[in-house]
């Protein structure tokens, strides 16, 4: 787990607020006012105190501050190290909190550390609100967690009345992808789904609704896959083994699409001449060569901004009514080299 205040060696004496006050020639209470951003100090005093703090290398002890506060204003964030899109969301969260007094406290989910452990660490750090990036928790666990502290979910809806969430518009994304393929002449389209992934069912339902409204039901199929390159590759292997490839594939996300492309290239299947492929997220891997993947673009900056706004509102005793709300943000389609007309 990391936080923005950094770390110092145990053998180095850290400058204190008292040191800053002495060097700046002001009272310690005035230094506290400056650091808290509270009214009561002139602009000249604020600049002087911050300059002295920088010169001394003073860093606020957020752990001690949280323990002293009646209510922590730290924002705990749970993310997955294996998800490139989560990196973009973290960039957005840092941008959204850059001018706020709230501190982001990060806790990672990795192969060696599950989501429950990541959340427990943030709870022990006394975070005032949790922001979960694509949580895998069951609805029961998510609801139970939200009954103990405010929770904001990014990239996954929740049926819990206590959870705030912000997601991208999967229905719009699927419509854009299918309309693009239909415009190229495709009618035989397969969706590689992520049934066990956060938001997986919603994205699958969005695909079903989109093809039904366009009268494509007889020419489409859904093949279970997932969020990773390995799951995309396994789905591509199954399609090859079936002996019948669709003319176009929409993958659950860009990582899944990358796994598909890898298998197809090794098998001599040409993209897009033989099969067109569309990803979802428009993460950094989509624009890299030689992938150059057509992908539905989510807006990580807007997702992070909305989540931050709701988290801060939840922390504020003077904020709006605490009724939770869900937010759906628009998406777009970035067309690159992996889509073209259907094979003859």
Protein backbone atom coordinates (compact mmCIF):
# COMPACT_ATOMS: atom_id res chain seq x y z
CA UNK A 1 0.00 0.00 0.00
CA UNK A 2 1.31 3.46 -0.88
CA UNK A 3 0.26 7.01 -0.23
CA UNK A 4 1.21 10.38 -1.64
CA UNK A 5 3.16 11.67 1.32
CA UNK A 6 6.21 9.52 0.54
CA UNK A 7 8.59 7.91 3.04
CA UNK A 8 11.77 8.78 4.89
CA UNK A 9 14.47 6.59 6.34
CA UNK A 10 14.05 5.83 10.03
CA UNK A 11 17.52 7.21 10.78
CA UNK A 12 16.79 10.67 9.31
CA UNK A 13 15.25 13.30 11.60
CA UNK A 14 12.15 14.62 9.89
CA UNK A 15 11.45 18.37 10.10
CA UNK A 16 8.41 19.12 12.24
CA UNK A 17 5.68 21.74 12.07
CA UNK A 18 7.42 23.44 14.98
CA UNK A 19 10.61 23.70 12.88
CA UNK A 20 8.66 25.31 10.03
CA UNK A 21 7.03 27.79 12.41
CA UNK A 22 10.39 28.77 13.95
CA UNK A 23 12.09 29.28 10.57
CA UNK A 24 9.12 31.23 9.18
CA UNK A 25 8.84 33.36 12.32
CA UNK A 26 5.17 32.56 12.90
CA UNK A 27 3.19 30.52 15.39
CA UNK A 28 2.70 26.78 15.03
CA UNK A 29 -1.08 27.30 14.95
CA UNK A 30 -0.68 29.63 11.96
CA UNK A 31 1.43 27.00 10.16
CA UNK A 32 -1.36 24.50 10.82
CA UNK A 33 -3.90 26.90 9.29
CA UNK A 34 -1.75 27.20 6.17
CA UNK A 35 -1.31 23.45 5.75
CA UNK A 36 -5.02 22.81 6.25
CA UNK A 37 -5.97 25.50 3.75
CA UNK A 38 -8.18 27.08 6.38
CA UNK A 39 -8.99 30.82 6.49
CA UNK A 40 -6.97 33.03 8.84
CA UNK A 41 -3.63 33.53 7.08
CA UNK A 42 -2.66 36.16 4.51
CA UNK A 43 -1.48 35.15 1.06
CA UNK A 44 2.01 36.43 1.87
CA UNK A 45 2.14 34.30 5.02
CA UNK A 46 0.93 31.24 3.13
CA UNK A 47 3.64 31.65 0.51
CA UNK A 48 6.32 32.17 3.13
CA UNK A 49 5.28 29.12 5.18
CA UNK A 50 5.10 26.87 2.11
CA UNK A 51 8.49 28.12 0.90
CA UNK A 52 10.09 27.38 4.27
CA UNK A 53 8.42 23.95 4.36
CA UNK A 54 9.86 23.15 0.93
CA UNK A 55 13.33 24.33 1.95
CA UNK A 56 13.27 22.21 5.10
CA UNK A 57 11.84 19.21 3.29
CA UNK A 58 8.83 19.13 5.61
CA UNK A 59 6.24 16.45 4.75
CA UNK A 60 2.92 16.24 6.53
CA UNK A 61 2.38 13.05 8.51
CA UNK A 62 -0.96 11.98 7.07
CA UNK A 63 -1.18 8.91 9.31
CA UNK A 64 -0.92 11.01 12.46
CA UNK A 65 -3.28 13.61 11.04
CA UNK A 66 -5.89 10.95 10.34
CA UNK A 67 -5.60 9.61 13.87
CA UNK A 68 -6.10 13.11 15.30
CA UNK A 69 -9.03 13.95 13.02
CA UNK A 70 -12.56 13.13 14.05
CA UNK A 71 -13.09 11.81 10.53
CA UNK A 72 -10.42 10.89 8.00
CA UNK A 73 -10.49 12.66 4.64
CA UNK A 74 -8.16 10.12 3.01
CA UNK A 75 -9.52 8.50 -0.15
CA UNK A 76 -8.59 4.82 -0.33
CA UNK A 77 -8.23 3.36 -3.83
CA UNK A 78 -8.19 -0.35 -4.70
CA UNK A 79 -6.78 -1.15 -8.15
CA UNK A 80 -5.36 -4.12 -10.07
CA UNK A 81 -1.72 -4.12 -11.11
CA UNK A 82 -2.54 -6.25 -14.17
CA UNK A 83 -5.10 -3.84 -15.65
CA UNK A 84 -3.60 -1.11 -17.90
CA UNK A 85 -6.91 0.77 -17.80
CA UNK A 86 -6.62 1.03 -14.01
CA UNK A 87 -3.35 2.90 -14.52
CA UNK A 88 -5.20 5.48 -16.61
CA UNK A 89 -7.89 5.75 -13.94
CA UNK A 90 -5.22 6.35 -11.29
CA UNK A 91 -3.77 9.16 -13.40
CA UNK A 92 -7.26 10.65 -13.54
CA UNK A 93 -7.74 10.34 -9.77
CA UNK A 94 -4.44 12.09 -9.08
CA UNK A 95 -5.40 14.88 -11.50
CA UNK A 96 -8.83 15.24 -9.88
CA UNK A 97 -7.37 15.49 -6.36
CA UNK A 98 -4.33 17.64 -7.21
CA UNK A 99 -5.86 20.80 -5.70
CA UNK A 100 -7.75 19.07 -2.89
CA UNK A 101 -6.60 18.45 0.67
CA UNK A 102 -7.61 14.80 0.37
CA UNK A 103 -4.81 12.24 0.20
CA UNK A 104 -5.03 9.22 -2.10
CA UNK A 105 -4.03 5.99 -0.37
CA UNK A 106 -3.42 3.15 -2.85
CA UNK A 107 -3.81 -0.56 -2.18
CA UNK A 108 -3.06 -2.99 -4.99
CA UNK A 109 -4.63 -6.27 -6.02
CA UNK A 110 -2.06 -8.62 -7.54
CA UNK A 111 -1.41 -12.31 -8.06
CA UNK A 112 -0.02 -12.47 -4.53
CA UNK A 113 -2.68 -10.27 -2.89
CA UNK A 114 -6.44 -10.53 -3.23
CA UNK A 115 -9.09 -7.83 -3.15
CA UNK A 116 -10.17 -8.57 0.42
CA UNK A 117 -6.62 -8.01 1.69
CA UNK A 118 -6.31 -4.75 -0.26
CA UNK A 119 -9.54 -3.46 1.27
CA UNK A 120 -8.58 -4.54 4.80
CA UNK A 121 -5.37 -2.54 4.59
CA UNK A 122 -7.24 0.61 3.60
CA UNK A 123 -9.72 0.13 6.42
CA UNK A 124 -6.85 -0.16 8.91
CA UNK A 125 -5.41 3.08 7.53
CA UNK A 126 -8.70 4.78 8.50
CA UNK A 127 -9.63 5.97 5.03
CA UNK A 128 -12.81 8.01 5.03
CA UNK A 129 -14.09 6.65 1.72
CA UNK A 130 -13.14 3.81 -0.65
CA UNK A 131 -12.92 4.09 -4.43
CA UNK A 132 -12.89 0.63 -6.01
CA UNK A 133 -11.68 0.23 -9.60
CA UNK A 134 -13.64 -2.57 -11.25
CA UNK A 135 -14.36 -4.45 -8.01
CA UNK A 136 -14.83 -8.22 -8.17
CA UNK A 137 -16.63 -8.42 -4.81
CA UNK A 138 -20.01 -10.09 -4.76
CA UNK A 139 -22.99 -7.78 -4.37
CA UNK A 140 -23.45 -9.10 -0.84
CA UNK A 141 -19.85 -8.25 0.14
CA UNK A 142 -19.99 -4.89 -1.62
CA UNK A 143 -23.22 -3.99 0.18
CA UNK A 144 -21.80 -5.12 3.53
CA UNK A 145 -18.68 -3.00 2.97
CA UNK A 146 -20.76 0.04 2.03
CA UNK A 147 -22.74 -0.31 5.25
CA UNK A 148 -19.54 0.39 7.22
CA UNK A 149 -18.06 3.24 5.13
CA UNK A 150 -18.77 5.19 1.92
CA UNK A 151 -17.93 3.26 -1.26
CA UNK A 152 -17.63 4.52 -4.85
CA UNK A 153 -17.29 1.95 -7.63
CA UNK A 154 -15.72 2.79 -11.00
CA UNK A 155 -16.51 0.64 -14.07
CA UNK A 156 -19.06 -1.51 -12.29
CA UNK A 157 -22.67 -0.84 -11.39
CA UNK A 158 -24.10 -1.97 -8.09
CA UNK A 159 -27.60 -2.84 -6.97
CA UNK A 160 -26.73 -1.93 -3.39
CA UNK A 161 -28.58 1.18 -2.20
CA UNK A 162 -25.42 2.24 -0.32
CA UNK A 163 -22.92 2.18 -3.20
CA UNK A 164 -22.19 5.07 -5.56
CA UNK A 165 -20.98 4.10 -9.02
CA UNK A 166 -19.81 5.59 -12.30
CA UNK A 167 -19.58 3.56 -15.51
CA UNK A 168 -19.16 4.04 -19.24
CA UNK A 169 -22.15 3.64 -21.53
CA UNK A 170 -21.77 0.03 -22.70
CA UNK A 171 -24.98 0.24 -24.73
CA UNK A 172 -23.61 3.18 -26.71
CA UNK A 173 -20.24 1.45 -27.07
CA UNK A 174 -21.73 -1.73 -28.48
CA UNK A 175 -23.96 0.24 -30.83
CA UNK A 176 -20.96 2.17 -32.16
CA UNK A 177 -18.94 -1.03 -32.65
CA UNK A 178 -21.73 -2.93 -34.40
CA UNK A 179 -22.74 0.01 -36.58
CA UNK A 180 -19.11 0.39 -37.65
CA UNK A 181 -18.90 -3.30 -38.58
CA UNK A 182 -22.26 -3.28 -40.34
CA UNK A 183 -21.17 -0.21 -42.28
CA UNK A 184 -18.20 -2.23 -43.52
CA UNK A 185 -20.53 -5.04 -44.57
CA UNK A 186 -20.24 -7.47 -41.64
CA UNK A 187 -23.19 -9.59 -40.54
CA UNK A 188 -21.34 -12.53 -38.92
CA UNK A 189 -20.15 -11.02 -35.61
CA UNK A 190 -18.95 -12.78 -32.45
CA UNK A 191 -18.68 -11.14 -29.05
CA UNK A 192 -16.00 -12.51 -26.71
CA UNK A 193 -17.66 -11.88 -23.36
CA UNK A 194 -16.34 -11.60 -19.81
CA UNK A 195 -19.10 -13.26 -17.79
CA UNK A 196 -17.08 -13.29 -14.55
CA UNK A 197 -15.56 -9.84 -15.01
CA UNK A 198 -16.76 -6.60 -13.35
CA UNK A 199 -19.50 -5.22 -15.58
CA UNK A 200 -19.33 -8.34 -17.75
CA UNK A 201 -23.03 -9.13 -17.73
CA UNK A 202 -23.95 -5.52 -18.54
CA UNK A 203 -21.63 -5.50 -21.55
CA UNK A 204 -23.04 -8.83 -22.74
CA UNK A 205 -26.61 -7.55 -22.41
CA UNK A 206 -25.61 -4.41 -24.32
CA UNK A 207 -24.35 -6.59 -27.18
CA UNK A 208 -27.54 -8.66 -27.19
CA UNK A 209 -29.74 -5.56 -27.23
CA UNK A 210 -27.71 -3.95 -30.00
CA UNK A 211 -27.86 -6.95 -32.35
CA UNK A 212 -31.54 -7.56 -31.62
CA UNK A 213 -32.47 -3.97 -32.47
CA UNK A 214 -30.62 -4.35 -35.79
CA UNK A 215 -32.15 -7.71 -36.67
CA UNK A 216 -28.77 -9.48 -36.60
CA UNK A 217 -29.77 -12.26 -34.21
CA UNK A 218 -29.23 -15.09 -36.72
CA UNK A 219 -25.73 -13.97 -37.65
CA UNK A 220 -24.10 -13.37 -34.30
CA UNK A 221 -22.78 -15.40 -31.38
CA UNK A 222 -21.36 -14.96 -27.86
CA UNK A 223 -18.25 -16.89 -26.81
CA UNK A 224 -17.10 -16.75 -23.15
CA UNK A 225 -13.65 -15.23 -22.71
CA UNK A 226 -12.52 -12.71 -20.09
CA UNK A 227 -10.33 -9.73 -19.25
CA UNK A 228 -6.85 -11.13 -19.91
CA UNK A 229 -4.68 -11.90 -22.93
CA UNK A 230 -4.69 -15.60 -21.98
CA UNK A 231 -8.49 -15.70 -21.90
CA UNK A 232 -8.68 -13.96 -25.27
CA UNK A 233 -6.15 -16.39 -26.71
CA UNK A 234 -8.08 -19.40 -25.36
CA UNK A 235 -11.28 -18.11 -26.96
CA UNK A 236 -9.46 -17.59 -30.28
CA UNK A 237 -8.13 -21.15 -30.10
CA UNK A 238 -11.67 -22.45 -29.63
CA UNK A 239 -12.89 -20.45 -32.62
CA UNK A 240 -10.08 -21.85 -34.77
CA UNK A 241 -10.81 -25.39 -33.59
CA UNK A 242 -14.47 -25.00 -34.57
CA UNK A 243 -13.43 -24.66 -38.19
CA UNK A 244 -15.68 -21.64 -38.77
CA UNK A 245 -14.46 -18.14 -38.02
CA UNK A 246 -16.81 -15.14 -37.92
CA UNK A 247 -15.93 -12.21 -40.15
CA UNK A 248 -15.71 -9.88 -37.13
CA UNK A 249 -15.02 -10.11 -33.39
CA UNK A 250 -15.76 -7.65 -30.60
CA UNK A 251 -13.58 -8.48 -27.59
CA UNK A 252 -14.51 -7.77 -23.97
CA UNK A 253 -11.53 -5.43 -23.62
CA UNK A 254 -8.24 -4.54 -25.29
CA UNK A 255 -6.23 -7.17 -23.39
CA UNK A 256 -8.63 -9.86 -24.54
CA UNK A 257 -8.36 -8.53 -28.10
CA UNK A 258 -4.54 -8.61 -27.90
CA UNK A 259 -4.69 -12.32 -27.01
CA UNK A 260 -6.93 -12.94 -30.01
CA UNK A 261 -4.58 -11.08 -32.35
CA UNK A 262 -1.59 -13.06 -31.09
CA UNK A 263 -3.26 -16.41 -31.80
CA UNK A 264 -4.53 -15.30 -35.21
CA UNK A 265 -1.12 -14.01 -36.31
CA UNK A 266 0.54 -17.29 -35.30
CA UNK A 267 -2.17 -19.27 -37.14
CA UNK A 268 -1.84 -17.24 -40.33
CA UNK A 269 -5.25 -15.58 -39.97
CA UNK A 270 -5.03 -12.09 -41.45
CA UNK A 271 -6.50 -9.12 -39.59
CA UNK A 272 -8.58 -7.42 -40.93
CA UNK A 273 -8.57 -9.23 -44.30
CA UNK A 274 -9.89 -12.49 -42.81
CA UNK A 275 -11.33 -11.29 -39.51
CA UNK A 276 -11.91 -7.79 -38.15
CA UNK A 277 -11.28 -7.25 -34.42
CA UNK A 278 -12.57 -4.51 -32.10
CA UNK A 279 -11.44 -4.02 -28.49
CA UNK A 280 -12.93 -2.09 -25.58
CA UNK A 281 -11.24 0.61 -23.41
CA UNK A 282 -8.91 2.15 -26.00
CA UNK A 283 -6.12 1.63 -23.49
CA UNK A 284 -2.47 2.43 -24.41
CA UNK A 285 -1.90 -1.05 -25.87
CA UNK A 286 -4.57 -0.37 -28.53
CA UNK A 287 -2.57 2.38 -30.22
CA UNK A 288 0.76 0.55 -30.15
CA UNK A 289 2.19 -0.95 -33.30
CA UNK A 290 1.84 -3.52 -34.67
CA UNK A 291 -1.53 -3.90 -32.87
CA UNK A 292 -3.19 -0.60 -33.95
CA UNK A 293 -6.49 -1.86 -32.58
CA UNK A 294 -9.91 -0.38 -33.34
CA UNK A 295 -11.44 0.09 -29.89
CA UNK A 296 -14.38 1.59 -28.02
CA UNK A 297 -12.90 4.47 -26.03
CA UNK A 298 -13.82 5.02 -22.40
CA UNK A 299 -12.86 8.33 -20.81
CA UNK A 300 -10.75 7.52 -17.72
CA UNK A 301 -10.30 11.20 -16.81
CA UNK A 302 -14.05 11.81 -16.65
CA UNK A 303 -14.67 8.53 -14.82
CA UNK A 304 -12.07 9.49 -12.21
CA UNK A 305 -13.39 13.03 -11.89
CA UNK A 306 -16.98 11.93 -11.26
CA UNK A 307 -15.82 9.32 -8.75
CA UNK A 308 -13.69 11.89 -6.94
CA UNK A 309 -16.55 14.38 -6.78
CA UNK A 310 -18.83 11.80 -5.24
CA UNK A 311 -16.16 10.61 -2.80
CA UNK A 312 -15.54 14.16 -1.60
CA UNK A 313 -19.27 14.77 -1.25
CA UNK A 314 -19.54 11.65 0.87
CA UNK A 315 -16.75 12.90 3.10
CA UNK A 316 -18.24 16.33 3.61
CA UNK A 317 -20.69 16.72 6.52
CA UNK A 318 -22.07 19.80 4.73
CA UNK A 319 -22.42 18.17 1.32
CA UNK A 320 -25.64 17.32 -0.54
CA UNK A 321 -28.06 14.62 0.56
CA UNK A 322 -26.27 11.32 0.95
CA UNK A 323 -28.56 9.37 -1.35
CA UNK A 324 -26.29 7.29 -3.61
CA UNK A 325 -26.41 7.80 -7.33
CA UNK A 326 -25.16 6.15 -10.48
CA UNK A 327 -23.54 8.01 -13.37
CA UNK A 328 -23.23 6.78 -16.96
CA UNK A 329 -20.67 8.51 -19.17
CA UNK A 330 -20.60 8.55 -23.00
CA UNK A 331 -18.00 6.67 -25.06
CA UNK A 332 -16.62 6.95 -28.60
CA UNK A 333 -15.07 4.64 -31.19
CA UNK A 334 -11.43 4.94 -32.26
CA UNK A 335 -10.99 3.33 -35.69
CA UNK A 336 -7.56 1.91 -36.49
CA UNK A 337 -6.11 -0.90 -38.60
CA UNK A 338 -7.88 -4.03 -37.28
CA UNK A 339 -11.23 -3.45 -38.99
CA UNK A 340 -12.07 -3.66 -42.65
CA UNK A 341 -14.57 -5.23 -45.04
CA UNK A 342 -15.59 -8.90 -44.60
CA UNK A 343 -13.72 -11.65 -46.43
CA UNK A 344 -15.27 -12.90 -49.64
